[in-house]
Amino acid sequence: MTVPFYVSPQQVLNDRAEYARKGIARGRSILAVTVDEGILFVAENPMRSLHKIAEMYDRIAFAAVGRYNEFESLRVAGVRKADITGYSYSREDVTARGLAGAYAQTLGHIFTTEMKPMEVELLVAEVGADGDGDHVFRVTFDGQITDETGFVAIGGKADDLAERFGSSYEAQMGAPDALEAAVQALADQAERTIDAADLEVALLDRSAARRCFQRMAPEEITEMLGTDTVDPAAPAPDDGDTDTPETEDG
């Protein structure tokens, strides 16, 4: 009788995590930023009909990177859960925290029990009447959930993008300034020009009476940026030794 090949549970989970991270890293990053007007989402997405950022409920939005078919199925399931909860109880009972918790349970269960984990990373955001009421939850492929403040980047080289954007981020930024800084960070990271038509931008507008999600058209993005394209910033000059000739006393 052959002895089955043994792999430790820890090694199995490590392999699944590495597999999921590689899949997510191939996706283009998304930035979510808390601004005066609400919560701003910015992503590079040249596809006009396949969205990475979407409305979930009155004051709640969803954003994701990774495999489109996987996070789209999660988005649809979240919308259904929100609708059923709002219909069965009250619209105020539908919260980003509740939806993010449901996503965390689903992704955690799939990660630990299924052969293949989901190659997705999610953001579930809820805009409040003021900045103190804003919530942005980040849910990873293994079901971990964190409550982010200020701004957060997911997908691709998220850490590098967050560092680039953080150098120009200021608390209580306006949406136009935040958009300009976010697109500049995306262009710098990609090291190429980004067209306004290739951007997907949405805003959870805290001043709206009920449905707060607003998707911006390319014309609106161009107007806010003041240009059709954003070029990567020029590299900083070298501050090392120079060959400046020394002056002599006459």
Protein backbone atom coordinates (compact mmCIF):
# COMPACT_ATOMS: atom_id res chain seq x y z
CA MET A 1 0.00 0.00 0.00
CA THR A 2 1.37 3.40 -0.94
CA VAL A 3 1.79 6.02 1.75
CA PRO A 4 0.03 9.30 0.85
CA PHE A 5 2.31 12.29 0.44
CA TYR A 6 2.13 14.49 3.52
CA VAL A 7 2.03 18.28 3.41
CA SER A 8 1.65 20.22 6.62
CA PRO A 9 -1.45 22.43 6.99
CA GLN A 10 0.79 25.47 7.42
CA GLN A 11 2.53 24.77 4.10
CA VAL A 12 -0.82 24.33 2.36
CA LEU A 13 -2.04 27.71 3.64
CA ASN A 14 1.26 29.37 2.71
CA ASP A 15 1.00 28.02 -0.84
CA ARG A 16 -2.59 29.22 -1.16
CA ALA A 17 -1.66 32.67 0.14
CA GLU A 18 1.24 32.97 -2.31
CA TYR A 19 -1.01 31.88 -5.17
CA ALA A 20 -3.65 34.47 -4.27
CA ARG A 21 -1.13 37.29 -3.80
CA LYS A 22 0.39 36.68 -7.23
CA GLY A 23 -3.02 36.82 -8.86
CA ILE A 24 -3.97 40.03 -7.05
CA ALA A 25 -0.62 41.67 -7.84
CA ARG A 26 -1.37 41.40 -11.55
CA GLY A 27 -4.37 43.72 -11.15
CA ARG A 28 -4.21 47.49 -11.38
CA SER A 29 -4.37 49.29 -8.05
CA ILE A 30 -7.26 51.24 -6.56
CA LEU A 31 -7.01 54.20 -4.20
CA ALA A 32 -9.78 55.17 -1.79
CA VAL A 33 -9.39 58.58 -0.14
CA THR A 34 -11.51 60.36 2.44
CA VAL A 35 -12.08 63.92 1.19
CA ASP A 36 -14.22 66.88 2.26
CA GLU A 37 -16.97 65.88 -0.17
CA GLY A 38 -17.05 62.22 0.90
CA ILE A 39 -15.00 59.19 -0.17
CA LEU A 40 -13.18 59.26 -3.52
CA PHE A 41 -12.20 56.13 -5.47
CA VAL A 42 -9.57 56.27 -8.22
CA ALA A 43 -8.35 53.44 -10.43
CA GLU A 44 -6.79 52.96 -13.83
CA ASN A 45 -9.28 50.91 -15.85
CA PRO A 46 -9.36 51.27 -19.65
CA MET A 47 -12.43 49.00 -19.86
CA ARG A 48 -15.54 51.16 -20.10
CA SER A 49 -18.18 48.57 -19.16
CA LEU A 50 -16.38 46.26 -16.73
CA HIS A 51 -16.21 48.30 -13.55
CA LYS A 52 -13.96 47.77 -10.54
CA ILE A 53 -15.87 50.34 -8.46
CA ALA A 54 -19.62 50.11 -7.97
CA GLU A 55 -22.58 51.15 -5.87
CA MET A 56 -23.87 48.69 -3.26
CA TYR A 57 -26.52 50.59 -1.34
CA ASP A 58 -27.61 54.11 -0.41
CA ARG A 59 -24.35 55.28 1.17
CA ILE A 60 -22.17 52.24 0.51
CA ALA A 61 -19.73 51.47 -2.33
CA PHE A 62 -17.69 48.45 -3.35
CA ALA A 63 -14.25 48.30 -4.99
CA ALA A 64 -12.14 45.29 -5.86
CA VAL A 65 -9.03 44.07 -7.65
CA GLY A 66 -8.11 40.59 -8.86
CA ARG A 67 -10.12 38.17 -10.98
CA TYR A 68 -13.12 40.00 -12.38
CA ASN A 69 -15.46 37.00 -12.44
CA GLU A 70 -14.73 36.28 -8.78
CA PHE A 71 -15.17 39.77 -7.36
CA GLU A 72 -18.18 40.43 -9.58
CA SER A 73 -19.95 37.40 -8.07
CA LEU A 74 -19.09 38.74 -4.61
CA ARG A 75 -20.44 42.17 -5.51
CA VAL A 76 -23.75 40.73 -6.72
CA ALA A 77 -24.08 38.63 -3.57
CA GLY A 78 -23.39 41.72 -1.45
CA VAL A 79 -26.03 43.77 -3.26
CA ARG A 80 -28.58 41.01 -2.71
CA LYS A 81 -27.73 40.77 0.97
CA ALA A 82 -28.04 44.56 1.35
CA ASP A 83 -31.42 44.59 -0.42
CA ILE A 84 -32.80 41.74 1.67
CA THR A 85 -31.58 43.31 4.93
CA GLY A 86 -32.99 46.72 4.03
CA TYR A 87 -36.33 45.23 2.99
CA SER A 88 -36.66 42.87 5.96
CA TYR A 89 -35.59 45.36 8.65
CA SER A 90 -34.66 48.95 7.87
CA ARG A 91 -32.44 50.75 5.38
CA GLU A 92 -30.39 52.04 8.32
CA ASP A 93 -29.57 48.44 9.24
CA VAL A 94 -27.51 48.03 6.06
CA THR A 95 -23.95 49.00 6.98
CA ALA A 96 -20.52 48.66 5.44
CA ARG A 97 -19.38 46.89 8.59
CA GLY A 98 -22.04 44.20 8.21
CA LEU A 99 -21.29 43.65 4.52
CA ALA A 100 -17.52 43.60 5.07
CA GLY A 101 -18.00 41.05 7.85
CA ALA A 102 -20.02 38.82 5.55
CA TYR A 103 -17.33 39.06 2.88
CA ALA A 104 -14.64 38.25 5.44
CA GLN A 105 -16.50 35.10 6.53
CA THR A 106 -17.00 33.95 2.94
CA LEU A 107 -13.41 34.57 1.84
CA GLY A 108 -11.99 33.06 5.04
CA HIS A 109 -14.07 29.91 4.60
CA ILE A 110 -13.04 29.51 0.96
CA PHE A 111 -9.38 30.11 1.81
CA THR A 112 -9.25 27.43 4.49
CA THR A 113 -11.48 24.76 2.93
CA GLU A 114 -11.27 25.03 -0.86
CA MET A 115 -8.36 23.91 -3.01
CA LYS A 116 -8.12 27.29 -4.77
CA PRO A 117 -8.55 30.58 -2.87
CA MET A 118 -10.25 33.59 -4.42
CA GLU A 119 -7.77 35.96 -6.06
CA VAL A 120 -9.50 39.12 -4.87
CA GLU A 121 -9.04 42.03 -2.50
CA LEU A 122 -12.02 44.18 -1.58
CA LEU A 123 -12.95 47.58 -0.22
CA VAL A 124 -16.37 48.26 1.30
CA ALA A 125 -16.89 51.96 2.12
CA GLU A 126 -19.69 53.87 3.80
CA VAL A 127 -19.89 57.67 3.80
CA GLY A 128 -21.20 59.48 6.84
CA ALA A 129 -22.74 62.87 7.44
CA ASP A 130 -19.23 64.09 8.32
CA GLY A 131 -15.72 62.73 8.20
CA ASP A 132 -16.05 61.01 11.57
CA GLY A 133 -18.83 58.86 10.15
CA ASP A 134 -16.83 57.57 7.18
CA HIS A 135 -15.78 53.91 7.18
CA VAL A 136 -13.54 52.08 4.71
CA PHE A 137 -13.08 48.36 5.31
CA ARG A 138 -10.40 46.36 3.55
CA VAL A 139 -11.02 42.62 3.14
CA THR A 140 -8.20 40.38 1.95
CA PHE A 141 -8.31 37.03 0.13
CA ASP A 142 -7.98 35.09 3.40
CA GLY A 143 -10.80 36.87 5.20
CA GLN A 144 -8.81 39.40 7.19
CA ILE A 145 -10.64 42.68 7.68
CA THR A 146 -9.23 46.07 8.67
CA ASP A 147 -10.84 49.49 9.20
CA GLU A 148 -8.78 52.02 7.25
CA THR A 149 -8.57 55.76 7.86
CA GLY A 150 -7.45 58.59 5.58
CA PHE A 151 -6.62 56.61 2.47
CA VAL A 152 -5.91 53.04 1.40
CA ALA A 153 -4.51 51.35 -1.71
CA ILE A 154 -5.21 47.78 -2.81
CA GLY A 155 -4.02 45.53 -5.64
CA GLY A 156 -0.91 45.70 -7.78
CA LYS A 157 1.97 47.34 -5.93
CA ALA A 158 -0.32 48.78 -3.27
CA ASP A 159 2.42 49.61 -0.76
CA ASP A 160 4.42 51.56 -3.33
CA LEU A 161 1.32 53.42 -4.51
CA ALA A 162 0.31 54.28 -0.93
CA GLU A 163 3.82 55.64 -0.27
CA ARG A 164 3.75 57.80 -3.40
CA PHE A 165 0.28 59.16 -2.67
CA GLY A 166 1.04 59.64 1.04
CA SER A 167 3.82 62.12 0.23
CA SER A 168 1.19 64.58 -1.07
CA TYR A 169 -1.82 63.55 1.04
CA GLU A 170 -3.28 66.01 3.52
CA ALA A 171 -6.20 65.52 5.85
CA GLN A 172 -9.44 67.16 4.67
CA MET A 173 -8.32 67.42 1.05
CA GLY A 174 -10.86 68.45 -1.55
CA ALA A 175 -11.86 65.95 -4.23
CA PRO A 176 -10.07 67.79 -7.11
CA ASP A 177 -6.76 67.96 -5.19
CA ALA A 178 -7.06 64.33 -4.07
CA LEU A 179 -7.85 63.20 -7.62
CA GLU A 180 -4.88 65.06 -9.04
CA ALA A 181 -2.54 63.59 -6.41
CA ALA A 182 -3.94 60.07 -6.87
CA VAL A 183 -3.61 60.11 -10.68
CA GLN A 184 -0.10 61.53 -10.40
CA ALA A 185 0.83 58.70 -8.02
CA LEU A 186 -0.60 56.15 -10.47
CA ALA A 187 1.36 57.69 -13.36
CA ASP A 188 4.57 57.80 -11.33
CA GLN A 189 4.19 54.18 -10.31
CA ALA A 190 3.47 53.03 -13.86
CA GLU A 191 6.20 55.33 -15.24
CA ARG A 192 4.02 56.26 -18.20
CA THR A 193 1.34 58.73 -19.23
CA ILE A 194 -2.22 57.99 -18.10
CA ASP A 195 -5.16 59.31 -20.11
CA ALA A 196 -8.23 60.63 -18.32
CA ALA A 197 -10.31 58.31 -20.51
CA ASP A 198 -8.51 55.31 -18.94
CA LEU A 199 -9.47 56.29 -15.40
CA GLU A 200 -12.36 54.99 -13.35
CA VAL A 201 -13.35 57.52 -10.71
CA ALA A 202 -16.31 57.53 -8.36
CA LEU A 203 -17.37 59.55 -5.33
CA LEU A 204 -19.56 58.74 -2.35
CA ASP A 205 -21.04 62.23 -1.96
CA ARG A 206 -21.89 62.89 1.68
CA SER A 207 -24.21 65.79 0.74
CA ALA A 208 -26.58 63.55 -1.24
CA ALA A 209 -29.96 62.91 0.35
CA ARG A 210 -30.06 59.16 -0.26
CA ARG A 211 -28.12 57.54 -3.10
CA CYS A 212 -24.62 58.92 -2.62
CA PHE A 213 -22.69 57.02 -5.30
CA GLN A 214 -21.63 59.10 -8.30
CA ARG A 215 -19.58 57.70 -11.18
CA MET A 216 -17.62 60.39 -13.01
CA ALA A 217 -17.62 60.58 -16.79
CA PRO A 218 -14.31 61.13 -18.64
CA GLU A 219 -15.34 64.74 -19.30
CA GLU A 220 -15.81 65.39 -15.59
CA ILE A 221 -12.46 63.77 -14.80
CA THR A 222 -10.73 65.92 -17.43
CA GLU A 223 -12.39 69.04 -16.01
CA MET A 224 -11.28 68.22 -12.46
CA LEU A 225 -7.73 67.41 -13.55
CA GLY A 226 -7.52 70.34 -15.96
CA THR A 227 -5.87 68.10 -18.57
CA ASP A 228 -6.52 65.03 -20.74
CA THR A 229 -3.34 63.24 -19.69
CA VAL A 230 -1.09 62.97 -16.66
CA ASP A 231 2.62 62.38 -17.19
CA PRO A 232 4.93 60.77 -14.64
CA ALA A 233 6.92 63.27 -12.64
CA ALA A 234 10.46 63.95 -13.76
CA PRO A 235 13.10 62.23 -11.60
CA ALA A 236 14.57 64.36 -8.88
CA PRO A 237 17.94 65.93 -9.74
CA ASP A 238 21.02 64.22 -8.39
CA ASP A 239 22.21 66.04 -5.30
CA GLY A 240 25.53 64.25 -5.25
CA ASP A 241 28.98 65.70 -5.91
CA THR A 242 29.24 68.11 -8.82
CA ASP A 243 32.16 69.31 -10.85
CA THR A 244 31.61 72.97 -9.99
CA PRO A 245 35.02 74.68 -10.16
CA GLU A 246 36.32 76.19 -6.99
CA THR A 247 37.05 79.93 -6.90
CA GLU A 248 40.51 81.20 -6.00
CA ASP A 249 41.26 84.27 -3.94
CA GLY A 250 42.95 86.91 -6.13
